N, C-alpha and C. Protein backbone atom coordinates (compact mmCIF):
# COMPACT_ATOMS: atom_id res chain seq x y z
N MET A 1 -20.63 33.22 -10.22
CA MET A 1 -20.54 32.31 -9.10
C MET A 1 -20.66 33.10 -7.81
N ASN A 2 -21.31 32.50 -6.87
CA ASN A 2 -21.52 33.13 -5.57
C ASN A 2 -20.19 33.25 -4.83
N PRO A 3 -19.83 34.45 -4.35
CA PRO A 3 -18.53 34.62 -3.69
C PRO A 3 -18.39 33.80 -2.40
N THR A 4 -19.50 33.48 -1.74
CA THR A 4 -19.39 32.67 -0.53
C THR A 4 -19.03 31.22 -0.84
N LYS A 5 -19.38 30.77 -2.04
CA LYS A 5 -19.07 29.40 -2.44
C LYS A 5 -17.69 29.29 -3.08
N LEU A 6 -17.08 30.41 -3.39
CA LEU A 6 -15.78 30.41 -4.04
C LEU A 6 -14.71 29.75 -3.17
N HIS A 7 -14.75 30.01 -1.87
CA HIS A 7 -13.77 29.40 -0.96
C HIS A 7 -13.90 27.88 -0.93
N PHE A 8 -15.13 27.40 -0.99
CA PHE A 8 -15.35 25.96 -1.01
C PHE A 8 -14.73 25.34 -2.26
N TRP A 9 -14.94 25.98 -3.41
CA TRP A 9 -14.40 25.43 -4.65
C TRP A 9 -12.88 25.52 -4.68
N GLN A 10 -12.31 26.56 -4.09
CA GLN A 10 -10.86 26.64 -4.02
C GLN A 10 -10.30 25.52 -3.14
N LEU A 11 -10.93 25.29 -2.00
CA LEU A 11 -10.50 24.23 -1.11
C LEU A 11 -10.66 22.86 -1.77
N THR A 12 -11.75 22.68 -2.50
CA THR A 12 -11.97 21.42 -3.22
C THR A 12 -10.89 21.21 -4.28
N GLY A 13 -10.54 22.26 -5.00
CA GLY A 13 -9.49 22.16 -6.01
C GLY A 13 -8.14 21.80 -5.40
N VAL A 14 -7.81 22.41 -4.28
CA VAL A 14 -6.54 22.11 -3.61
C VAL A 14 -6.53 20.65 -3.16
N PHE A 15 -7.65 20.19 -2.61
CA PHE A 15 -7.73 18.80 -2.15
C PHE A 15 -7.58 17.83 -3.31
N VAL A 16 -8.24 18.12 -4.44
CA VAL A 16 -8.13 17.26 -5.62
C VAL A 16 -6.69 17.22 -6.11
N LEU A 17 -6.02 18.35 -6.14
CA LEU A 17 -4.62 18.38 -6.57
C LEU A 17 -3.74 17.57 -5.62
N LEU A 18 -3.97 17.68 -4.32
CA LEU A 18 -3.18 16.90 -3.37
C LEU A 18 -3.39 15.40 -3.55
N VAL A 19 -4.63 15.00 -3.81
CA VAL A 19 -4.91 13.58 -4.04
C VAL A 19 -4.22 13.10 -5.30
N ILE A 20 -4.29 13.87 -6.37
CA ILE A 20 -3.65 13.49 -7.63
C ILE A 20 -2.14 13.39 -7.46
N VAL A 21 -1.54 14.34 -6.76
CA VAL A 21 -0.09 14.30 -6.53
C VAL A 21 0.28 13.09 -5.68
N ALA A 22 -0.48 12.79 -4.64
CA ALA A 22 -0.17 11.64 -3.79
C ALA A 22 -0.27 10.32 -4.56
N VAL A 23 -1.31 10.18 -5.37
CA VAL A 23 -1.46 8.96 -6.17
C VAL A 23 -0.34 8.87 -7.20
N GLY A 24 0.01 9.97 -7.81
CA GLY A 24 1.11 9.96 -8.79
C GLY A 24 2.44 9.59 -8.16
N LEU A 25 2.72 10.14 -6.99
CA LEU A 25 3.98 9.79 -6.31
C LEU A 25 4.01 8.33 -5.91
N GLN A 26 2.90 7.81 -5.45
CA GLN A 26 2.84 6.40 -5.07
C GLN A 26 3.05 5.51 -6.29
N TRP A 27 2.43 5.85 -7.41
CA TRP A 27 2.59 5.08 -8.63
C TRP A 27 4.03 5.14 -9.12
N HIS A 28 4.63 6.33 -9.05
CA HIS A 28 6.02 6.48 -9.49
C HIS A 28 6.97 5.66 -8.62
N SER A 29 6.77 5.67 -7.31
CA SER A 29 7.67 4.90 -6.44
C SER A 29 7.51 3.40 -6.70
N TYR A 30 6.30 2.96 -7.01
CA TYR A 30 6.09 1.55 -7.34
C TYR A 30 6.82 1.19 -8.64
N GLN A 31 6.73 2.07 -9.64
CA GLN A 31 7.40 1.80 -10.91
C GLN A 31 8.91 1.74 -10.73
N VAL A 32 9.46 2.66 -9.93
CA VAL A 32 10.91 2.67 -9.68
C VAL A 32 11.33 1.41 -8.95
N GLN A 33 10.56 1.01 -7.96
CA GLN A 33 10.88 -0.19 -7.20
C GLN A 33 10.83 -1.42 -8.10
N GLU A 34 9.83 -1.51 -8.95
CA GLU A 34 9.70 -2.64 -9.86
C GLU A 34 10.87 -2.67 -10.85
N LYS A 35 11.26 -1.50 -11.33
CA LYS A 35 12.36 -1.43 -12.29
C LYS A 35 13.68 -1.82 -11.62
N ASN A 36 13.90 -1.34 -10.39
CA ASN A 36 15.13 -1.69 -9.68
C ASN A 36 15.22 -3.18 -9.42
N MET A 37 14.11 -3.80 -9.07
CA MET A 37 14.12 -5.23 -8.81
C MET A 37 14.44 -6.00 -10.08
N MET A 38 13.85 -5.58 -11.19
CA MET A 38 14.10 -6.28 -12.45
C MET A 38 15.54 -6.10 -12.92
N THR A 39 16.09 -4.90 -12.76
CA THR A 39 17.48 -4.70 -13.18
C THR A 39 18.44 -5.47 -12.30
N GLN A 40 18.15 -5.61 -11.02
CA GLN A 40 19.01 -6.40 -10.15
C GLN A 40 18.97 -7.86 -10.56
N MET A 41 17.79 -8.36 -10.87
CA MET A 41 17.68 -9.76 -11.25
C MET A 41 18.30 -10.01 -12.62
N MET A 42 18.11 -9.09 -13.55
CA MET A 42 18.62 -9.30 -14.90
C MET A 42 20.12 -9.03 -14.99
N GLY A 43 20.67 -8.30 -14.02
CA GLY A 43 22.11 -8.02 -14.04
C GLY A 43 22.95 -9.19 -13.58
N GLN A 44 22.34 -10.20 -13.01
CA GLN A 44 23.07 -11.36 -12.53
C GLN A 44 22.84 -12.54 -13.46
N SER A 45 23.83 -13.40 -13.51
CA SER A 45 23.61 -14.63 -14.25
C SER A 45 22.81 -15.59 -13.38
N MET A 46 22.31 -16.65 -13.99
CA MET A 46 21.52 -17.61 -13.24
C MET A 46 22.36 -18.29 -12.15
N GLY A 47 23.62 -18.54 -12.45
CA GLY A 47 24.51 -19.15 -11.45
C GLY A 47 24.75 -18.24 -10.27
N ASN A 48 24.92 -16.94 -10.51
CA ASN A 48 25.12 -16.00 -9.41
C ASN A 48 23.87 -15.88 -8.55
N MET A 49 22.70 -15.89 -9.21
CA MET A 49 21.46 -15.82 -8.43
C MET A 49 21.31 -17.05 -7.55
N MET A 50 21.60 -18.21 -8.10
CA MET A 50 21.48 -19.44 -7.32
C MET A 50 22.50 -19.47 -6.19
N ARG A 51 23.69 -18.94 -6.42
CA ARG A 51 24.71 -18.93 -5.39
C ARG A 51 24.30 -18.03 -4.22
N THR A 52 23.67 -16.89 -4.52
CA THR A 52 23.24 -16.00 -3.44
C THR A 52 22.05 -16.58 -2.69
N MET A 53 21.22 -17.37 -3.35
CA MET A 53 20.06 -17.96 -2.69
C MET A 53 20.39 -19.26 -1.99
N HIS A 54 21.45 -19.90 -2.37
CA HIS A 54 21.79 -21.21 -1.83
C HIS A 54 22.57 -21.06 -0.52
N ALA A 55 22.29 -21.93 0.40
CA ALA A 55 22.94 -21.88 1.71
C ALA A 55 24.07 -22.91 1.77
N SER A 56 25.03 -22.80 0.88
CA SER A 56 26.10 -23.81 0.83
C SER A 56 27.11 -23.65 1.95
N ASN A 57 27.26 -22.46 2.50
CA ASN A 57 28.26 -22.24 3.54
C ASN A 57 27.70 -22.35 4.95
N VAL A 58 26.45 -22.75 5.10
CA VAL A 58 25.82 -22.82 6.42
C VAL A 58 26.06 -24.21 6.99
N THR A 59 26.48 -24.25 8.25
CA THR A 59 26.71 -25.54 8.91
C THR A 59 25.46 -25.98 9.65
N THR A 60 25.43 -27.25 10.02
CA THR A 60 24.29 -27.79 10.76
C THR A 60 24.16 -27.11 12.12
N ALA A 61 25.28 -26.82 12.76
CA ALA A 61 25.25 -26.15 14.06
C ALA A 61 24.60 -24.77 13.94
N GLN A 62 24.90 -24.06 12.89
CA GLN A 62 24.29 -22.75 12.69
C GLN A 62 22.79 -22.86 12.46
N LEU A 63 22.36 -23.88 11.72
CA LEU A 63 20.94 -24.07 11.50
C LEU A 63 20.21 -24.41 12.80
N LEU A 64 20.80 -25.27 13.63
CA LEU A 64 20.18 -25.63 14.90
C LEU A 64 20.14 -24.44 15.85
N THR A 65 21.20 -23.66 15.88
CA THR A 65 21.23 -22.47 16.73
C THR A 65 20.19 -21.46 16.26
N TRP A 66 20.07 -21.28 14.96
CA TRP A 66 19.09 -20.34 14.42
C TRP A 66 17.68 -20.77 14.76
N ARG A 67 17.41 -22.07 14.70
CA ARG A 67 16.07 -22.57 14.99
C ARG A 67 15.71 -22.34 16.46
N THR A 68 16.63 -22.57 17.36
CA THR A 68 16.32 -22.36 18.77
C THR A 68 16.21 -20.87 19.10
N GLU A 69 16.98 -20.05 18.43
CA GLU A 69 16.89 -18.61 18.69
C GLU A 69 15.56 -18.04 18.22
N ASN A 70 15.05 -18.57 17.13
CA ASN A 70 13.79 -18.06 16.59
C ASN A 70 12.57 -18.76 17.16
N GLY A 71 12.77 -19.64 18.08
CA GLY A 71 11.63 -20.25 18.75
C GLY A 71 11.00 -21.39 17.99
N GLY A 72 11.76 -22.23 17.38
CA GLY A 72 11.19 -23.42 16.76
C GLY A 72 11.15 -23.35 15.26
N MET A 73 10.02 -23.72 14.70
CA MET A 73 9.89 -23.91 13.26
C MET A 73 9.68 -22.63 12.47
N GLY A 74 9.83 -21.53 13.06
CA GLY A 74 9.65 -20.27 12.34
C GLY A 74 9.25 -19.18 13.32
N ASN A 75 9.13 -18.01 12.80
CA ASN A 75 8.81 -16.87 13.66
C ASN A 75 7.29 -16.70 13.68
N SER A 76 6.64 -17.21 14.73
CA SER A 76 5.19 -17.16 14.79
C SER A 76 4.69 -15.74 15.00
N ARG A 77 5.46 -14.91 15.68
CA ARG A 77 5.04 -13.52 15.89
C ARG A 77 4.95 -12.78 14.57
N GLN A 78 5.91 -13.04 13.69
CA GLN A 78 5.88 -12.40 12.38
C GLN A 78 4.69 -12.90 11.56
N LYS A 79 4.39 -14.19 11.66
CA LYS A 79 3.24 -14.73 10.93
C LYS A 79 1.95 -14.10 11.44
N GLU A 80 1.82 -13.98 12.77
CA GLU A 80 0.63 -13.36 13.33
C GLU A 80 0.52 -11.91 12.90
N SER A 81 1.64 -11.22 12.88
CA SER A 81 1.63 -9.82 12.47
C SER A 81 1.21 -9.69 11.01
N THR A 82 1.73 -10.55 10.16
CA THR A 82 1.39 -10.51 8.74
C THR A 82 -0.09 -10.83 8.54
N GLU A 83 -0.59 -11.83 9.26
CA GLU A 83 -2.00 -12.18 9.12
C GLU A 83 -2.91 -11.06 9.59
N SER A 84 -2.53 -10.41 10.70
CA SER A 84 -3.37 -9.32 11.19
C SER A 84 -3.33 -8.12 10.24
N MET A 85 -2.18 -7.86 9.64
CA MET A 85 -2.10 -6.77 8.67
C MET A 85 -2.93 -7.08 7.43
N GLN A 86 -2.90 -8.34 6.98
CA GLN A 86 -3.72 -8.70 5.83
C GLN A 86 -5.21 -8.58 6.16
N TRP A 87 -5.59 -8.99 7.38
CA TRP A 87 -6.98 -8.87 7.79
C TRP A 87 -7.39 -7.40 7.83
N MET A 88 -6.53 -6.55 8.41
CA MET A 88 -6.83 -5.12 8.51
C MET A 88 -6.94 -4.51 7.12
N ASN A 89 -6.08 -4.93 6.20
CA ASN A 89 -6.12 -4.41 4.83
C ASN A 89 -7.44 -4.79 4.17
N ARG A 90 -7.84 -6.06 4.29
CA ARG A 90 -9.10 -6.49 3.69
C ARG A 90 -10.29 -5.78 4.33
N PHE A 91 -10.27 -5.63 5.65
CA PHE A 91 -11.38 -5.00 6.36
C PHE A 91 -11.56 -3.54 5.92
N THR A 92 -10.47 -2.78 5.90
CA THR A 92 -10.59 -1.37 5.53
C THR A 92 -10.97 -1.22 4.06
N THR A 93 -10.41 -2.06 3.19
CA THR A 93 -10.75 -1.98 1.77
C THR A 93 -12.22 -2.30 1.55
N ASN A 94 -12.72 -3.34 2.19
CA ASN A 94 -14.13 -3.70 2.05
C ASN A 94 -15.04 -2.63 2.63
N THR A 95 -14.64 -2.05 3.76
CA THR A 95 -15.45 -0.99 4.35
C THR A 95 -15.56 0.21 3.42
N ILE A 96 -14.45 0.62 2.86
CA ILE A 96 -14.46 1.75 1.92
C ILE A 96 -15.29 1.40 0.69
N PHE A 97 -15.11 0.18 0.18
CA PHE A 97 -15.84 -0.24 -1.01
C PHE A 97 -17.35 -0.26 -0.76
N ILE A 98 -17.76 -0.72 0.43
CA ILE A 98 -19.19 -0.78 0.76
C ILE A 98 -19.76 0.62 0.98
N LEU A 99 -19.01 1.50 1.63
CA LEU A 99 -19.51 2.83 1.95
C LEU A 99 -19.41 3.82 0.79
N LEU A 100 -18.64 3.50 -0.24
CA LEU A 100 -18.43 4.44 -1.34
C LEU A 100 -19.73 4.87 -2.02
N PRO A 101 -20.69 3.99 -2.32
CA PRO A 101 -21.94 4.47 -2.94
C PRO A 101 -22.71 5.44 -2.04
N PHE A 102 -22.70 5.18 -0.73
CA PHE A 102 -23.39 6.09 0.19
C PHE A 102 -22.71 7.45 0.24
N ILE A 103 -21.40 7.46 0.21
CA ILE A 103 -20.65 8.71 0.22
C ILE A 103 -20.93 9.50 -1.06
N MET A 104 -20.93 8.81 -2.20
CA MET A 104 -21.19 9.49 -3.46
C MET A 104 -22.63 10.01 -3.53
N ALA A 105 -23.59 9.20 -3.05
CA ALA A 105 -24.99 9.64 -3.07
C ALA A 105 -25.18 10.84 -2.14
N GLY A 106 -24.56 10.80 -0.97
CA GLY A 106 -24.66 11.93 -0.04
C GLY A 106 -24.05 13.19 -0.62
N THR A 107 -22.93 13.03 -1.30
CA THR A 107 -22.28 14.18 -1.92
C THR A 107 -23.16 14.77 -3.01
N ALA A 108 -23.74 13.92 -3.84
CA ALA A 108 -24.62 14.42 -4.90
C ALA A 108 -25.85 15.10 -4.30
N PHE A 109 -26.41 14.52 -3.26
CA PHE A 109 -27.57 15.12 -2.60
C PHE A 109 -27.22 16.48 -2.02
N LEU A 110 -26.08 16.59 -1.34
CA LEU A 110 -25.68 17.87 -0.76
C LEU A 110 -25.38 18.91 -1.84
N LEU A 111 -24.80 18.50 -2.95
CA LEU A 111 -24.55 19.44 -4.05
C LEU A 111 -25.85 19.97 -4.63
N ILE A 112 -26.85 19.09 -4.77
CA ILE A 112 -28.15 19.53 -5.30
C ILE A 112 -28.81 20.51 -4.34
N VAL A 113 -28.82 20.17 -3.05
CA VAL A 113 -29.44 21.05 -2.06
C VAL A 113 -28.67 22.36 -1.99
N TRP A 114 -27.35 22.28 -2.00
CA TRP A 114 -26.50 23.47 -1.89
C TRP A 114 -26.70 24.39 -3.10
N HIS A 115 -26.85 23.77 -4.29
CA HIS A 115 -27.05 24.55 -5.51
C HIS A 115 -28.41 25.25 -5.48
N ASN A 116 -29.42 24.60 -4.95
CA ASN A 116 -30.76 25.20 -4.90
C ASN A 116 -30.84 26.31 -3.86
N LEU A 117 -30.01 26.27 -2.82
CA LEU A 117 -30.02 27.32 -1.81
C LEU A 117 -29.37 28.62 -2.31
N GLY A 118 -28.43 28.49 -3.23
CA GLY A 118 -27.66 29.65 -3.66
C GLY A 118 -28.20 30.38 -4.79
């Protein structure tokens, strides 16, 4: 192997390892979160779950005060924020998905040219 290309392959290997570690950590945190949620739900009886979800101790005055504090029928700022985040998520995902073939083709082309130069 050409010694000038060795640094490139070392850097590529480090990058691949970092990507694999990041994806693994993300997957692991998702699995832990999913497991914790299931154990919390399964550790309670159905009556206890309904009691925590039910608003039996809330008075009408508290509900009216909460509605006026939050600006009416709900928090519109939070809805707008959620919608914009969903739009941004779809936009970036679609952009990456559309550009991925071009990135892969460019990489293959550069590898072929790079291999022929060395």
